[in-house]
C-alpha atoms as a PDB file:
ATOM      1  CA  MET A   1       0.000   0.000   0.000  1.00  0.00           C
ATOM      2  CA  THR A   2       1.266   3.476  -0.879  1.00  0.00           C
ATOM      3  CA  ALA A   3      -1.056   5.627   1.187  1.00  0.00           C
ATOM      4  CA  SER A   4      -4.125   5.530   3.369  1.00  0.00           C
ATOM      5  CA  ILE A   5      -6.825   8.155   3.004  1.00  0.00           C
ATOM      6  CA  LEU A   6      -9.388   9.128   5.603  1.00  0.00           C
ATOM      7  CA  TYR A   7     -12.375  11.213   4.548  1.00  0.00           C
ATOM      8  CA  LYS A   8     -12.783  13.607   7.469  1.00  0.00           C
ATOM      9  CA  GLY A   9     -16.038  15.112   6.247  1.00  0.00           C
ATOM     10  CA  ASP A  10     -16.755  18.591   4.987  1.00  0.00           C
ATOM     11  CA  LEU A  11     -14.908  17.768   1.711  1.00  0.00           C
ATOM     12  CA  ARG A  12     -11.545  17.257   3.463  1.00  0.00           C
ATOM     13  CA  CYS A  13      -9.285  14.199   3.275  1.00  0.00           C
ATOM     14  CA  GLU A  14      -6.263  13.219   5.343  1.00  0.00           C
ATOM     15  CA  CYS A  15      -3.668  11.260   3.394  1.00  0.00           C
ATOM     16  CA  VAL A  16      -0.899   9.303   5.114  1.00  0.00           C
ATOM     17  CA  HIS A  17       2.179   8.110   3.217  1.00  0.00           C
ATOM     18  CA  ILE A  18       2.690   4.590   4.555  1.00  0.00           C
ATOM     19  CA  GLN A  19       6.495   4.425   4.247  1.00  0.00           C
ATOM     20  CA  SER A  20       7.258   7.765   5.915  1.00  0.00           C
ATOM     21  CA  GLY A  21       4.144   8.596   7.894  1.00  0.00           C
ATOM     22  CA  THR A  22       3.995  12.016   6.223  1.00  0.00           C
ATOM     23  CA  VAL A  23       0.492  13.514   6.278  1.00  0.00           C
ATOM     24  CA  ILE A  24      -1.124  15.844   3.767  1.00  0.00           C
ATOM     25  CA  GLU A  25      -4.693  17.051   3.714  1.00  0.00           C
ATOM     26  CA  THR A  26      -6.816  18.062   0.769  1.00  0.00           C
ATOM     27  CA  ASP A  27      -9.893  20.255   0.475  1.00  0.00           C
ATOM     28  CA  ALA A  28     -12.305  20.825  -2.323  1.00  0.00           C
ATOM     29  CA  PRO A  29     -11.600  24.195  -3.955  1.00  0.00           C
ATOM     30  CA  THR A  30     -13.820  27.176  -3.215  1.00  0.00           C
ATOM     31  CA  ASP A  31     -15.252  27.088  -6.740  1.00  0.00           C
ATOM     32  CA  ASN A  32     -16.481  23.539  -6.096  1.00  0.00           C
ATOM     33  CA  ARG A  33     -18.146  23.845  -2.675  1.00  0.00           C
ATOM     34  CA  GLY A  34     -14.939  23.534  -0.665  1.00  0.00           C
ATOM     35  CA  LYS A  35     -13.096  25.662   1.831  1.00  0.00           C
ATOM     36  CA  GLY A  36      -9.929  25.898  -0.254  1.00  0.00           C
ATOM     37  CA  GLU A  37      -7.841  25.739   2.929  1.00  0.00           C
ATOM     38  CA  ARG A  38      -5.582  22.985   1.569  1.00  0.00           C
ATOM     39  CA  PHE A  39      -4.402  21.792  -1.817  1.00  0.00           C
ATOM     40  CA  SER A  40      -7.307  20.399  -3.823  1.00  0.00           C
ATOM     41  CA  PRO A  41      -7.017  16.918  -5.344  1.00  0.00           C
ATOM     42  CA  THR A  42      -6.472  18.475  -8.775  1.00  0.00           C
ATOM     43  CA  ASP A  43      -3.828  20.820  -7.307  1.00  0.00           C
ATOM     44  CA  THR A  44      -1.930  17.756  -6.102  1.00  0.00           C
ATOM     45  CA  VAL A  45      -1.922  16.325  -9.626  1.00  0.00           C
ATOM     46  CA  CYS A  46      -0.294  19.515 -10.920  1.00  0.00           C
ATOM     47  CA  VAL A  47       2.179  19.659  -8.038  1.00  0.00           C
ATOM     48  CA  ALA A  48       3.005  15.998  -8.704  1.00  0.00           C
ATOM     49  CA  LEU A  49       3.893  16.927 -12.276  1.00  0.00           C
ATOM     50  CA  GLY A  50       6.201  19.762 -11.217  1.00  0.00           C
ATOM     51  CA  THR A  51       7.951  17.746  -8.523  1.00  0.00           C
ATOM     52  CA  CYS A  52       8.327  14.752 -10.842  1.00  0.00           C
ATOM     53  CA  ILE A  53       9.917  16.908 -13.557  1.00  0.00           C
ATOM     54  CA  ILE A  54      12.536  18.399 -11.230  1.00  0.00           C
ATOM     55  CA  THR A  55      13.112  15.128  -9.358  1.00  0.00           C
ATOM     56  CA  THR A  56      13.838  13.148 -12.521  1.00  0.00           C
ATOM     57  CA  ILE A  57      16.108  15.930 -13.798  1.00  0.00           C
ATOM     58  CA  GLY A  58      17.718  15.998 -10.347  1.00  0.00           C
ATOM     59  CA  ILE A  59      18.516  12.290 -10.510  1.00  0.00           C
ATOM     60  CA  ARG A  60      20.515  12.808 -13.703  1.00  0.00           C
ATOM     61  CA  ALA A  61      22.030  16.034 -12.375  1.00  0.00           C
ATOM     62  CA  ASN A  62      23.304  14.161  -9.306  1.00  0.00           C
ATOM     63  CA  ASP A  63      24.928  11.559 -11.582  1.00  0.00           C
ATOM     64  CA  MET A  64      26.651  14.438 -13.395  1.00  0.00           C
ATOM     65  CA  GLN A  65      27.670  16.205 -10.137  1.00  0.00           C
ATOM     66  CA  VAL A  66      25.467  19.179 -11.100  1.00  0.00           C
ATOM     67  CA  ASP A  67      23.824  20.982  -8.170  1.00  0.00           C
ATOM     68  CA  LEU A  68      20.271  22.112  -8.927  1.00  0.00           C
ATOM     69  CA  ALA A  69      19.590  23.427  -5.411  1.00  0.00           C
ATOM     70  CA  GLY A  70      17.666  26.687  -5.618  1.00  0.00           C
ATOM     71  CA  THR A  71      15.751  25.752  -8.760  1.00  0.00           C
ATOM     72  CA  LYS A  72      12.236  27.193  -8.518  1.00  0.00           C
ATOM     73  CA  LEU A  73       9.091  25.941 -10.199  1.00  0.00           C
ATOM     74  CA  ALA A  74       5.762  27.683 -10.682  1.00  0.00           C
ATOM     75  CA  VAL A  75       2.775  25.517 -11.555  1.00  0.00           C
ATOM     76  CA  THR A  76      -0.528  26.878 -12.873  1.00  0.00           C
ATOM     77  CA  LYS A  77      -3.622  24.725 -13.195  1.00  0.00           C
ATOM     78  CA  HIS A  78      -6.383  25.549 -15.674  1.00  0.00           C
ATOM     79  CA  MET A  79      -9.703  23.847 -15.040  1.00  0.00           C
ATOM     80  CA  PHE A  80     -12.072  23.100 -17.901  1.00  0.00           C
ATOM     81  CA  SER A  81     -15.760  22.314 -17.608  1.00  0.00           C
ATOM     82  CA  GLU A  82     -18.199  19.788 -19.008  1.00  0.00           C
ATOM     83  CA  PRO A  83     -16.813  17.609 -17.735  1.00  0.00           C
ATOM     84  CA  ARG A  84     -14.981  19.404 -14.941  1.00  0.00           C
ATOM     85  CA  ARG A  85     -11.332  18.426 -15.303  1.00  0.00           C
ATOM     86  CA  ILE A  86      -7.771  19.667 -15.481  1.00  0.00           C
ATOM     87  CA  GLY A  87      -7.527  21.002 -19.014  1.00  0.00           C
ATOM     88  CA  LYS A  88      -4.109  22.599 -19.000  1.00  0.00           C
ATOM     89  CA  ILE A  89      -1.039  22.727 -16.767  1.00  0.00           C
ATOM     90  CA  ASP A  90       1.692  25.336 -17.142  1.00  0.00           C
ATOM     91  CA  VAL A  91       5.040  24.662 -15.510  1.00  0.00           C
ATOM     92  CA  SER A  92       7.776  27.279 -15.382  1.00  0.00           C
ATOM     93  CA  ILE A  93      11.214  26.154 -14.190  1.00  0.00           C
ATOM     94  CA  GLN A  94      13.750  28.798 -13.180  1.00  0.00           C
ATOM     95  CA  PHE A  95      17.207  27.304 -12.813  1.00  0.00           C
ATOM     96  CA  PRO A  96      19.800  29.177 -10.728  1.00  0.00           C
ATOM     97  CA  ALA A  97      21.649  31.882 -12.663  1.00  0.00           C
ATOM     98  CA  SER A  98      24.927  30.353 -11.489  1.00  0.00           C
ATOM     99  CA  LEU A  99      24.170  27.083 -13.276  1.00  0.00           C
ATOM    100  CA  ASP A 100      26.574  26.730 -16.189  1.00  0.00           C
ATOM    101  CA  LEU A 101      25.390  23.990 -18.534  1.00  0.00           C
ATOM    102  CA  SER A 102      26.204  23.245 -22.134  1.00  0.00           C
ATOM    103  CA  GLU A 103      23.390  23.334 -24.669  1.00  0.00           C
ATOM    104  CA  LYS A 104      23.677  19.537 -24.905  1.00  0.00           C
ATOM    105  CA  ASP A 105      23.108  19.136 -21.142  1.00  0.00           C
ATOM    106  CA  ARG A 106      20.214  21.596 -21.186  1.00  0.00           C
ATOM    107  CA  LEU A 107      18.523  19.624 -23.963  1.00  0.00           C
ATOM    108  CA  LEU A 108      19.156  16.398 -22.044  1.00  0.00           C
ATOM    109  CA  PHE A 109      17.539  17.814 -18.901  1.00  0.00           C
ATOM    110  CA  GLN A 110      14.567  19.085 -20.910  1.00  0.00           C
ATOM    111  CA  LYS A 111      14.077  15.673 -22.533  1.00  0.00           C
ATOM    112  CA  ILE A 112      14.161  14.026 -19.107  1.00  0.00           C
ATOM    113  CA  GLY A 113      11.652  16.532 -17.681  1.00  0.00           C
ATOM    114  CA  ASP A 114       9.342  16.245 -20.677  1.00  0.00           C
ATOM    115  CA  ASN A 115       9.221  12.472 -20.212  1.00  0.00           C
ATOM    116  CA  CYS A 116       8.945  12.111 -16.444  1.00  0.00           C
ATOM    117  CA  PRO A 117       6.629   9.372 -15.117  1.00  0.00           C
ATOM    118  CA  VAL A 118       3.837  11.761 -14.122  1.00  0.00           C
ATOM    119  CA  MET A 119       3.890  13.379 -17.577  1.00  0.00           C
ATOM    120  CA  LYS A 120       3.565   9.930 -19.116  1.00  0.00           C
ATOM    121  CA  SER A 121       0.662   9.164 -16.752  1.00  0.00           C
ATOM    122  CA  LEU A 122      -1.462  12.213 -17.596  1.00  0.00           C
ATOM    123  CA  HIS A 123      -4.357  11.894 -20.010  1.00  0.00           C
ATOM    124  CA  PRO A 124      -3.287  13.025 -23.484  1.00  0.00           C
ATOM    125  CA  ASP A 125      -6.126  15.580 -23.591  1.00  0.00           C
ATOM    126  CA  ILE A 126      -4.405  17.594 -20.842  1.00  0.00           C
ATOM    127  CA  GLN A 127      -2.330  20.325 -22.446  1.00  0.00           C
ATOM    128  CA  VAL A 128       1.024  20.742 -20.735  1.00  0.00           C
ATOM    129  CA  THR A 129       3.477  23.555 -21.354  1.00  0.00           C
ATOM    130  CA  ILE A 130       6.886  23.551 -19.717  1.00  0.00           C
ATOM    131  CA  ASP A 131       9.033  26.673 -19.820  1.00  0.00           C
ATOM    132  CA  TYR A 132      12.666  25.912 -19.007  1.00  0.00           C
ATOM    133  CA  GLN A 133      14.358  29.154 -17.964  1.00  0.00           C
ATOM    134  CA  TRP A 134      18.120  28.860 -17.927  1.00  0.00           C
END
């Protein structure tokens, strides 16, 4: 088992990561009868994409002794309706200005990010744009 989820009522869930015991909570968003006091389930999908992109790039960077600490990501979710769903995700990745990579390494990192496991798991109807800012 990966996680256990407890529905706490009032459109809130408590999710426990079995291996680590880490807890996150989700709320329905305010535009869908929720309080919006926590990440929504669809927010977590978008955050999963951003963290997967930088984590998979980070794995290769570690192998190359390249330090990506300080890299910042901004993730924007666009909801579509009928049916209500994530329609588009924008990811902007700002690498540290001190990072000195060749064009070849930049293209390698972009290919890795563009093909991370979460990206490959998203429905093909979801439009994803990734802006790599070097």
